Amino acid sequence: HKTEADSFRSAGLIVVSNYQYSKGGNTTSDWTVPADGPSDARRGIELHRAAGGPDDAPIYVSIDASPTRTMYVEKVRPYLQGWISVIGADRLGVYCNGRVTQWLIEDGIGKYFWGHNWSDNWRYPEDGSLVHPAWHIHQFEIDKKVPGIPFGIDKNRILKNEFGQWK
């Protein structure tokens, strides 16, 4: 909601939009069957605008899993192409692991990338890191429990000056 996003910004926090309705890995995530990229994109835009998100800001779409190449080709890619048909290629951000980031780049899909480490321990052969050079944001800690807080906290590192933040 706009009030919440405004309060974050007033407190000095940076806001980006990320769409994720269903969280469930490779079996019940938004991009799995019955996936509907255009419908999710329309809902994502609606939520983004209701929170006060600018019309030119990207929306990250969560591929919160570690899909195989077959899953990527059959499910992830068509799902994200559905998003592009609604929001355009320049506004598509993708939250995913390094392997999926690389496939997306090879297919020319996505302008912004928010990387997560949980995958299948796939690393870059050059230096063994998990950080893909195309990532704009790197989530390096997920759902860490903090005493006194009833939910998990994620920690992210900003890697590029322009990463889809609201202006």
N, C-alpha and C. Protein backbone atom coordinates (compact mmCIF):
# COMPACT_ATOMS: atom_id res chain seq x y z
N HIS A 1 0.83 -1.18 0.00
CA HIS A 1 0.00 0.00 0.00
C HIS A 1 0.87 1.25 0.00
N LYS A 2 0.31 2.33 -0.48
CA LYS A 2 1.03 3.58 -0.62
C LYS A 2 1.54 4.10 0.72
N THR A 3 0.72 4.02 1.74
CA THR A 3 1.12 4.52 3.06
C THR A 3 2.37 3.79 3.55
N GLU A 4 2.39 2.48 3.39
CA GLU A 4 3.54 1.70 3.82
C GLU A 4 4.79 2.04 3.00
N ALA A 5 4.65 2.10 1.67
CA ALA A 5 5.79 2.44 0.82
C ALA A 5 6.30 3.84 1.15
N ASP A 6 5.40 4.79 1.36
CA ASP A 6 5.80 6.15 1.71
C ASP A 6 6.53 6.18 3.04
N SER A 7 6.08 5.38 4.00
CA SER A 7 6.75 5.35 5.31
C SER A 7 8.16 4.76 5.19
N PHE A 8 8.32 3.75 4.33
CA PHE A 8 9.67 3.21 4.09
C PHE A 8 10.59 4.28 3.51
N ARG A 9 10.09 4.97 2.51
CA ARG A 9 10.90 6.01 1.85
C ARG A 9 11.21 7.14 2.83
N SER A 10 10.25 7.51 3.66
CA SER A 10 10.49 8.56 4.65
C SER A 10 11.56 8.16 5.66
N ALA A 11 11.65 6.86 5.92
CA ALA A 11 12.65 6.35 6.85
C ALA A 11 14.02 6.16 6.19
N GLY A 12 14.12 6.52 4.90
CA GLY A 12 15.39 6.42 4.20
C GLY A 12 15.62 5.11 3.48
N LEU A 13 14.61 4.26 3.44
CA LEU A 13 14.74 2.99 2.74
C LEU A 13 14.49 3.18 1.24
N ILE A 14 15.09 2.34 0.46
CA ILE A 14 14.92 2.37 -0.99
C ILE A 14 13.85 1.35 -1.37
N VAL A 15 12.94 1.74 -2.25
CA VAL A 15 11.83 0.87 -2.63
C VAL A 15 11.97 0.43 -4.08
N VAL A 16 11.78 -0.85 -4.32
CA VAL A 16 11.63 -1.41 -5.66
C VAL A 16 10.37 -2.28 -5.62
N SER A 17 9.82 -2.57 -6.80
CA SER A 17 8.64 -3.42 -6.86
C SER A 17 9.04 -4.84 -7.25
N ASN A 18 8.47 -5.80 -6.55
CA ASN A 18 8.70 -7.21 -6.83
C ASN A 18 7.37 -7.93 -6.73
N TYR A 19 7.02 -8.69 -7.77
CA TYR A 19 5.76 -9.43 -7.77
C TYR A 19 6.02 -10.90 -7.47
N GLN A 20 5.31 -11.39 -6.47
CA GLN A 20 5.31 -12.82 -6.17
C GLN A 20 4.03 -13.13 -5.41
N TYR A 21 3.18 -13.92 -6.04
CA TYR A 21 1.92 -14.31 -5.40
C TYR A 21 2.08 -15.65 -4.69
N SER A 22 2.64 -16.60 -5.38
CA SER A 22 2.78 -17.95 -4.84
C SER A 22 4.25 -18.30 -4.69
N LYS A 23 4.60 -18.79 -3.53
CA LYS A 23 5.99 -19.20 -3.28
C LYS A 23 5.98 -20.70 -3.05
N GLY A 24 6.74 -21.42 -3.85
CA GLY A 24 6.70 -22.85 -3.66
C GLY A 24 7.77 -23.60 -4.41
N GLY A 25 8.85 -22.93 -4.77
CA GLY A 25 9.91 -23.64 -5.47
C GLY A 25 9.51 -24.03 -6.87
N ASN A 26 9.96 -25.20 -7.29
CA ASN A 26 9.76 -25.63 -8.67
C ASN A 26 8.37 -26.20 -8.96
N THR A 27 7.48 -26.27 -7.97
CA THR A 27 6.20 -26.93 -8.22
C THR A 27 4.98 -26.02 -8.11
N THR A 28 4.99 -25.03 -7.24
CA THR A 28 3.80 -24.19 -7.07
C THR A 28 4.08 -22.70 -7.21
N SER A 29 5.22 -22.33 -7.76
CA SER A 29 5.52 -20.91 -7.98
C SER A 29 4.64 -20.34 -9.09
N ASP A 30 4.61 -19.01 -9.18
CA ASP A 30 3.77 -18.33 -10.17
C ASP A 30 4.05 -18.81 -11.59
N TRP A 31 5.29 -19.13 -11.90
CA TRP A 31 5.68 -19.49 -13.26
C TRP A 31 5.36 -20.94 -13.62
N THR A 32 4.85 -21.70 -12.68
CA THR A 32 4.49 -23.09 -12.97
C THR A 32 3.05 -23.17 -13.48
N VAL A 33 2.71 -24.28 -14.06
CA VAL A 33 1.37 -24.46 -14.63
C VAL A 33 0.34 -24.48 -13.51
N PRO A 34 -0.77 -23.78 -13.62
CA PRO A 34 -1.18 -23.00 -14.78
C PRO A 34 -0.68 -21.55 -14.67
N ALA A 35 0.43 -21.27 -15.27
CA ALA A 35 1.02 -19.94 -15.26
C ALA A 35 0.29 -19.03 -16.24
N ASP A 36 0.15 -17.78 -15.87
CA ASP A 36 -0.48 -16.80 -16.74
C ASP A 36 0.28 -15.48 -16.60
N GLY A 37 1.34 -15.33 -17.36
CA GLY A 37 2.17 -14.14 -17.29
C GLY A 37 1.41 -12.85 -17.51
N PRO A 38 0.60 -12.75 -18.58
CA PRO A 38 -0.13 -11.49 -18.79
C PRO A 38 -1.07 -11.13 -17.63
N SER A 39 -1.79 -12.11 -17.10
CA SER A 39 -2.70 -11.84 -15.99
C SER A 39 -1.91 -11.40 -14.75
N ASP A 40 -0.82 -12.09 -14.45
CA ASP A 40 0.02 -11.71 -13.31
C ASP A 40 0.62 -10.32 -13.52
N ALA A 41 0.99 -9.99 -14.75
CA ALA A 41 1.56 -8.67 -15.05
C ALA A 41 0.52 -7.57 -14.80
N ARG A 42 -0.71 -7.81 -15.22
CA ARG A 42 -1.75 -6.81 -14.98
C ARG A 42 -1.98 -6.61 -13.48
N ARG A 43 -1.97 -7.72 -12.74
CA ARG A 43 -2.12 -7.62 -11.27
C ARG A 43 -0.89 -6.95 -10.66
N GLY A 44 0.28 -7.25 -11.17
CA GLY A 44 1.51 -6.64 -10.68
C GLY A 44 1.50 -5.13 -10.87
N ILE A 45 1.05 -4.68 -12.04
CA ILE A 45 0.95 -3.24 -12.31
C ILE A 45 -0.05 -2.59 -11.35
N GLU A 46 -1.18 -3.26 -11.15
CA GLU A 46 -2.21 -2.74 -10.25
C GLU A 46 -1.64 -2.54 -8.83
N LEU A 47 -0.93 -3.54 -8.32
CA LEU A 47 -0.35 -3.45 -6.98
C LEU A 47 0.76 -2.39 -6.92
N HIS A 48 1.58 -2.36 -7.95
CA HIS A 48 2.66 -1.38 -8.05
C HIS A 48 2.10 0.05 -7.99
N ARG A 49 1.08 0.31 -8.78
CA ARG A 49 0.46 1.66 -8.80
C ARG A 49 -0.22 1.98 -7.48
N ALA A 50 -0.89 0.99 -6.89
CA ALA A 50 -1.58 1.22 -5.61
C ALA A 50 -0.59 1.58 -4.51
N ALA A 51 0.64 1.10 -4.63
CA ALA A 51 1.67 1.41 -3.65
C ALA A 51 2.37 2.73 -3.95
N GLY A 52 2.01 3.36 -5.07
CA GLY A 52 2.63 4.62 -5.45
C GLY A 52 3.81 4.47 -6.38
N GLY A 53 3.98 3.30 -6.96
CA GLY A 53 5.10 3.06 -7.87
C GLY A 53 4.98 3.86 -9.15
N PRO A 54 6.09 4.46 -9.59
CA PRO A 54 6.08 5.26 -10.82
C PRO A 54 5.80 4.41 -12.05
N ASP A 55 5.16 5.01 -13.05
CA ASP A 55 4.78 4.29 -14.26
C ASP A 55 5.97 3.81 -15.09
N ASP A 56 7.14 4.37 -14.86
CA ASP A 56 8.31 3.95 -15.64
C ASP A 56 9.25 3.02 -14.86
N ALA A 57 8.93 2.74 -13.61
CA ALA A 57 9.79 1.87 -12.79
C ALA A 57 9.60 0.41 -13.18
N PRO A 58 10.67 -0.37 -13.12
CA PRO A 58 10.53 -1.80 -13.41
C PRO A 58 9.79 -2.54 -12.30
N ILE A 59 9.32 -3.70 -12.66
CA ILE A 59 8.73 -4.62 -11.68
C ILE A 59 9.52 -5.92 -11.79
N TYR A 60 10.11 -6.32 -10.68
CA TYR A 60 10.80 -7.60 -10.64
C TYR A 60 9.78 -8.72 -10.51
N VAL A 61 10.03 -9.81 -11.19
CA VAL A 61 9.17 -10.99 -11.16
C VAL A 61 9.99 -12.11 -10.54
N SER A 62 9.42 -12.79 -9.56
CA SER A 62 10.18 -13.80 -8.82
C SER A 62 10.20 -15.16 -9.50
N ILE A 63 11.41 -15.61 -9.77
CA ILE A 63 11.65 -17.01 -10.13
C ILE A 63 12.40 -17.55 -8.90
N ASP A 64 11.62 -17.73 -7.86
CA ASP A 64 12.13 -18.03 -6.52
C ASP A 64 12.31 -19.53 -6.37
N ALA A 65 13.22 -20.05 -7.18
CA ALA A 65 13.44 -21.49 -7.23
C ALA A 65 14.73 -21.77 -7.99
N SER A 66 14.94 -23.01 -8.31
CA SER A 66 16.11 -23.41 -9.08
C SER A 66 15.65 -24.31 -10.23
N PRO A 67 15.00 -23.70 -11.24
CA PRO A 67 14.47 -24.52 -12.33
C PRO A 67 15.57 -25.15 -13.18
N THR A 68 15.26 -26.30 -13.71
CA THR A 68 16.16 -26.96 -14.67
C THR A 68 16.07 -26.22 -16.00
N ARG A 69 16.94 -26.56 -16.92
CA ARG A 69 16.90 -25.95 -18.25
C ARG A 69 15.55 -26.24 -18.93
N THR A 70 15.05 -27.45 -18.79
CA THR A 70 13.75 -27.80 -19.37
C THR A 70 12.64 -26.96 -18.76
N MET A 71 12.63 -26.81 -17.45
CA MET A 71 11.63 -25.97 -16.79
C MET A 71 11.73 -24.53 -17.27
N TYR A 72 12.94 -24.07 -17.44
CA TYR A 72 13.14 -22.71 -17.93
C TYR A 72 12.51 -22.54 -19.31
N VAL A 73 12.84 -23.45 -20.22
CA VAL A 73 12.36 -23.35 -21.61
C VAL A 73 10.84 -23.50 -21.67
N GLU A 74 10.29 -24.44 -20.93
CA GLU A 74 8.87 -24.74 -21.03
C GLU A 74 7.97 -23.85 -20.17
N LYS A 75 8.50 -23.31 -19.07
CA LYS A 75 7.65 -22.58 -18.14
C LYS A 75 8.12 -21.16 -17.84
N VAL A 76 9.37 -21.02 -17.42
CA VAL A 76 9.86 -19.70 -16.99
C VAL A 76 9.87 -18.72 -18.16
N ARG A 77 10.51 -19.09 -19.26
CA ARG A 77 10.63 -18.18 -20.39
C ARG A 77 9.26 -17.73 -20.92
N PRO A 78 8.31 -18.65 -21.17
CA PRO A 78 6.99 -18.20 -21.64
C PRO A 78 6.27 -17.31 -20.62
N TYR A 79 6.42 -17.63 -19.34
CA TYR A 79 5.80 -16.82 -18.30
C TYR A 79 6.33 -15.39 -18.34
N LEU A 80 7.64 -15.24 -18.43
CA LEU A 80 8.23 -13.90 -18.47
C LEU A 80 7.92 -13.19 -19.79
N GLN A 81 7.83 -13.92 -20.89
CA GLN A 81 7.42 -13.31 -22.15
C GLN A 81 6.00 -12.77 -22.05
N GLY A 82 5.16 -13.44 -21.27
CA GLY A 82 3.82 -12.93 -21.01
C GLY A 82 3.86 -11.61 -20.26
N TRP A 83 4.76 -11.50 -19.30
CA TRP A 83 4.94 -10.23 -18.59
C TRP A 83 5.37 -9.14 -19.56
N ILE A 84 6.33 -9.45 -20.42
CA ILE A 84 6.83 -8.46 -21.38
C ILE A 84 5.71 -7.97 -22.29
N SER A 85 4.79 -8.85 -22.65
CA SER A 85 3.69 -8.45 -23.54
C SER A 85 2.80 -7.39 -22.90
N VAL A 86 2.86 -7.27 -21.58
CA VAL A 86 2.04 -6.29 -20.87
C VAL A 86 2.84 -5.08 -20.42
N ILE A 87 4.00 -5.29 -19.82
CA ILE A 87 4.75 -4.15 -19.25
C ILE A 87 5.89 -3.66 -20.15
N GLY A 88 6.26 -4.45 -21.14
CA GLY A 88 7.37 -4.07 -22.01
C GLY A 88 8.69 -4.61 -21.50
N ALA A 89 9.61 -4.80 -22.41
CA ALA A 89 10.92 -5.39 -22.08
C ALA A 89 11.74 -4.50 -21.15
N ASP A 90 11.62 -3.19 -21.29
CA ASP A 90 12.44 -2.28 -20.49
C ASP A 90 12.03 -2.21 -19.03
N ARG A 91 10.86 -2.69 -18.70
CA ARG A 91 10.41 -2.65 -17.29
C ARG A 91 10.50 -4.00 -16.60
N LEU A 92 10.96 -5.02 -17.29
CA LEU A 92 11.00 -6.35 -16.67
C LEU A 92 12.28 -6.54 -15.87
N GLY A 93 12.09 -6.79 -14.59
CA GLY A 93 13.17 -7.23 -13.71
C GLY A 93 12.89 -8.67 -13.33
N VAL A 94 13.94 -9.43 -13.06
CA VAL A 94 13.75 -10.83 -12.69
C VAL A 94 14.59 -11.14 -11.46
N TYR A 95 13.94 -11.72 -10.45
CA TYR A 95 14.59 -12.21 -9.25
C TYR A 95 14.85 -13.70 -9.49
N CYS A 96 16.11 -14.09 -9.54
CA CYS A 96 16.43 -15.48 -9.89
C CYS A 96 17.87 -15.81 -9.52
N ASN A 97 18.26 -17.07 -9.72
CA ASN A 97 19.63 -17.46 -9.46
C ASN A 97 20.52 -17.15 -10.66
N GLY A 98 21.81 -17.39 -10.52
CA GLY A 98 22.77 -17.06 -11.58
C GLY A 98 22.58 -17.83 -12.86
N ARG A 99 22.24 -19.08 -12.74
CA ARG A 99 22.04 -19.90 -13.94
C ARG A 99 20.87 -19.37 -14.77
N VAL A 100 19.75 -19.06 -14.12
CA VAL A 100 18.59 -18.52 -14.83
C VAL A 100 18.93 -17.14 -15.39
N THR A 101 19.68 -16.34 -14.65
CA THR A 101 20.11 -15.04 -15.16
C THR A 101 20.83 -15.22 -16.49
N GLN A 102 21.74 -16.17 -16.55
CA GLN A 102 22.50 -16.39 -17.77
C GLN A 102 21.61 -16.81 -18.93
N TRP A 103 20.66 -17.70 -18.69
CA TRP A 103 19.73 -18.12 -19.74
C TRP A 103 18.90 -16.94 -20.23
N LEU A 104 18.45 -16.09 -19.29
CA LEU A 104 17.66 -14.93 -19.66
C LEU A 104 18.47 -13.97 -20.54
N ILE A 105 19.70 -13.75 -20.18
CA ILE A 105 20.56 -12.87 -20.97
C ILE A 105 20.75 -13.44 -22.37
N GLU A 106 21.00 -14.74 -22.45
CA GLU A 106 21.18 -15.39 -23.76
C GLU A 106 19.93 -15.26 -24.62
N ASP A 107 18.75 -15.23 -23.99
CA ASP A 107 17.48 -15.11 -24.71
C ASP A 107 17.01 -13.67 -24.87
N GLY A 108 17.76 -12.72 -24.33
CA GLY A 108 17.39 -11.31 -24.44
C GLY A 108 16.17 -10.94 -23.62
N ILE A 109 16.00 -11.59 -22.48
CA ILE A 109 14.84 -11.35 -21.62
C ILE A 109 15.31 -10.72 -20.31
N GLY A 110 14.68 -9.62 -19.93
CA GLY A 110 14.98 -8.96 -18.67
C GLY A 110 15.99 -7.84 -18.83
N LYS A 111 15.72 -6.75 -18.13
CA LYS A 111 16.64 -5.62 -18.12
C LYS A 111 17.31 -5.46 -16.76
N TYR A 112 16.62 -5.90 -15.72
CA TYR A 112 17.12 -5.80 -14.35
C TYR A 112 17.16 -7.20 -13.75
N PHE A 113 18.18 -7.47 -12.95
CA PHE A 113 18.31 -8.79 -12.34
C PHE A 113 18.63 -8.66 -10.86
N TRP A 114 17.85 -9.39 -10.07
CA TRP A 114 18.02 -9.42 -8.62
C TRP A 114 18.34 -10.88 -8.30
N GLY A 115 19.57 -11.13 -7.94
CA GLY A 115 20.02 -12.50 -7.78
C GLY A 115 19.91 -13.04 -6.37
N HIS A 116 19.62 -14.31 -6.29
CA HIS A 116 19.64 -15.02 -5.01
C HIS A 116 20.62 -16.19 -5.10
N ASN A 117 21.15 -16.58 -3.97
CA ASN A 117 22.18 -17.62 -3.92
C ASN A 117 21.63 -19.03 -3.90
N TRP A 118 20.40 -19.20 -3.53
CA TRP A 118 19.96 -20.59 -3.40
C TRP A 118 19.65 -21.14 -4.78
N SER A 119 20.41 -22.11 -5.10
CA SER A 119 20.26 -22.77 -6.39
C SER A 119 20.73 -24.20 -6.22
N ASP A 120 21.57 -24.63 -7.10
CA ASP A 120 22.12 -25.98 -6.98
C ASP A 120 23.63 -25.88 -6.80
N ASN A 121 24.06 -24.86 -6.08
CA ASN A 121 25.48 -24.59 -5.84
C ASN A 121 26.25 -24.34 -7.12
N TRP A 122 25.56 -23.84 -8.13
CA TRP A 122 26.21 -23.49 -9.39
C TRP A 122 27.07 -22.26 -9.16
N ARG A 123 28.30 -22.32 -9.60
CA ARG A 123 29.23 -21.21 -9.41
C ARG A 123 29.91 -20.87 -10.73
N TYR A 124 30.43 -19.65 -10.80
CA TYR A 124 31.16 -19.21 -11.98
C TYR A 124 32.53 -19.85 -11.99
N PRO A 125 32.88 -20.48 -13.11
CA PRO A 125 34.17 -21.18 -13.16
C PRO A 125 35.37 -20.25 -13.00
N GLU A 126 35.23 -18.97 -13.36
CA GLU A 126 36.36 -18.06 -13.30
C GLU A 126 36.85 -17.84 -11.87
N ASP A 127 35.92 -17.62 -10.94
CA ASP A 127 36.34 -17.30 -9.58
C ASP A 127 35.57 -18.04 -8.49
N GLY A 128 34.64 -18.90 -8.88
CA GLY A 128 33.88 -19.68 -7.89
C GLY A 128 32.79 -18.91 -7.18
N SER A 129 32.52 -17.66 -7.60
CA SER A 129 31.52 -16.85 -6.91
C SER A 129 30.11 -17.23 -7.35
N LEU A 130 29.16 -16.78 -6.57
CA LEU A 130 27.75 -16.95 -6.89
C LEU A 130 27.15 -15.67 -7.44
N VAL A 131 27.90 -14.59 -7.51
CA VAL A 131 27.38 -13.30 -7.95
C VAL A 131 27.55 -13.16 -9.46
N HIS A 132 26.42 -13.08 -10.16
CA HIS A 132 26.47 -12.92 -11.61
C HIS A 132 26.78 -11.46 -11.92
N PRO A 133 27.66 -11.18 -12.87
CA PRO A 133 28.01 -9.78 -13.17
C PRO A 133 26.85 -8.94 -13.70
N ALA A 134 25.77 -9.54 -14.14
CA ALA A 134 24.61 -8.78 -14.63
C ALA A 134 23.66 -8.38 -13.50
N TRP A 135 23.84 -8.92 -12.31
CA TRP A 135 22.91 -8.63 -11.22
C TRP A 135 22.98 -7.16 -10.83
N HIS A 136 21.83 -6.60 -10.57
CA HIS A 136 21.70 -5.24 -10.06
C HIS A 136 21.64 -5.24 -8.53
N ILE A 137 21.02 -6.29 -8.00
CA ILE A 137 20.88 -6.48 -6.55
C ILE A 137 21.26 -7.93 -6.25
N HIS A 138 21.90 -8.15 -5.13
CA HIS A 138 22.27 -9.51 -4.72
C HIS A 138 21.70 -9.77 -3.33
N GLN A 139 20.80 -10.75 -3.24
CA GLN A 139 20.26 -11.18 -1.96
C GLN A 139 21.21 -12.24 -1.40
N PHE A 140 21.89 -11.90 -0.33
CA PHE A 140 22.89 -12.81 0.22
C PHE A 140 22.46 -13.47 1.52
N GLU A 141 21.36 -13.02 2.08
CA GLU A 141 20.85 -13.66 3.29
C GLU A 141 19.33 -13.70 3.19
N ILE A 142 18.74 -14.87 3.42
CA ILE A 142 17.31 -15.07 3.21
C ILE A 142 16.65 -15.60 4.47
N ASP A 143 15.58 -14.94 4.88
CA ASP A 143 14.73 -15.36 5.99
C ASP A 143 15.48 -15.59 7.30
N LYS A 144 16.47 -14.75 7.59
CA LYS A 144 17.20 -14.88 8.85
C LYS A 144 16.29 -14.44 9.99
N LYS A 145 16.24 -15.26 11.01
CA LYS A 145 15.41 -14.94 12.17
C LYS A 145 16.18 -13.97 13.07
N VAL A 146 15.47 -12.94 13.53
CA VAL A 146 16.04 -11.94 14.42
C VAL A 146 15.20 -11.94 15.69
N PRO A 147 15.84 -12.02 16.87
CA PRO A 147 15.06 -12.02 18.12
C PRO A 147 14.13 -10.80 18.20
N GLY A 148 12.90 -11.06 18.58
CA GLY A 148 11.91 -10.01 18.75
C GLY A 148 11.15 -9.66 17.49
N ILE A 149 11.52 -10.26 16.35
CA ILE A 149 10.80 -9.99 15.10
C ILE A 149 10.15 -11.30 14.66
N PRO A 150 8.83 -11.28 14.43
CA PRO A 150 8.11 -12.53 14.14
C PRO A 150 8.23 -13.05 12.71
N PHE A 151 9.11 -12.48 11.92
CA PHE A 151 9.28 -12.94 10.54
C PHE A 151 10.76 -12.89 10.18
N GLY A 152 11.10 -13.56 9.09
CA GLY A 152 12.48 -13.59 8.63
C GLY A 152 12.88 -12.32 7.92
N ILE A 153 14.15 -11.98 7.99
CA ILE A 153 14.70 -10.78 7.37
C ILE A 153 15.64 -11.20 6.23
N ASP A 154 15.49 -10.55 5.09
CA ASP A 154 16.40 -10.75 3.96
C ASP A 154 17.39 -9.60 3.92
N LYS A 155 18.62 -9.90 3.51
CA LYS A 155 19.61 -8.85 3.32
C LYS A 155 20.06 -8.86 1.87
N ASN A 156 20.17 -7.66 1.31
CA ASN A 156 20.53 -7.49 -0.08
C ASN A 156 21.65 -6.47 -0.21
N ARG A 157 22.43 -6.64 -1.24
CA ARG A 157 23.50 -5.70 -1.57
C ARG A 157 23.19 -5.09 -2.93
N ILE A 158 23.24 -3.77 -3.01
CA ILE A 158 23.03 -3.08 -4.27
C ILE A 158 24.34 -3.11 -5.04
N LEU A 159 24.29 -3.58 -6.29
CA LEU A 159 25.50 -3.76 -7.09
C LEU A 159 25.65 -2.75 -8.22
N LYS A 160 24.57 -2.10 -8.61
CA LYS A 160 24.62 -1.13 -9.70
C LYS A 160 23.85 0.12 -9.27
N ASN A 161 24.27 1.28 -9.78
CA ASN A 161 23.63 2.54 -9.40
C ASN A 161 22.15 2.58 -9.74
N GLU A 162 21.81 2.10 -10.90
CA GLU A 162 20.40 2.04 -11.32
C GLU A 162 19.96 0.58 -11.22
N PHE A 163 19.04 0.31 -10.30
CA PHE A 163 18.60 -1.08 -10.10
C PHE A 163 17.09 -1.20 -10.06
N GLY A 164 16.40 -0.15 -10.53
CA GLY A 164 14.95 -0.20 -10.55
C GLY A 164 14.29 0.51 -9.39
N GLN A 165 15.08 1.24 -8.64
CA GLN A 165 14.53 1.95 -7.49
C GLN A 165 13.54 3.02 -7.93
N TRP A 166 12.56 3.25 -7.08
CA TRP A 166 11.58 4.28 -7.36
C TRP A 166 12.26 5.63 -7.27
N LYS A 167 11.96 6.50 -8.21
CA LYS A 167 12.54 7.86 -8.20
C LYS A 167 11.59 8.79 -7.51
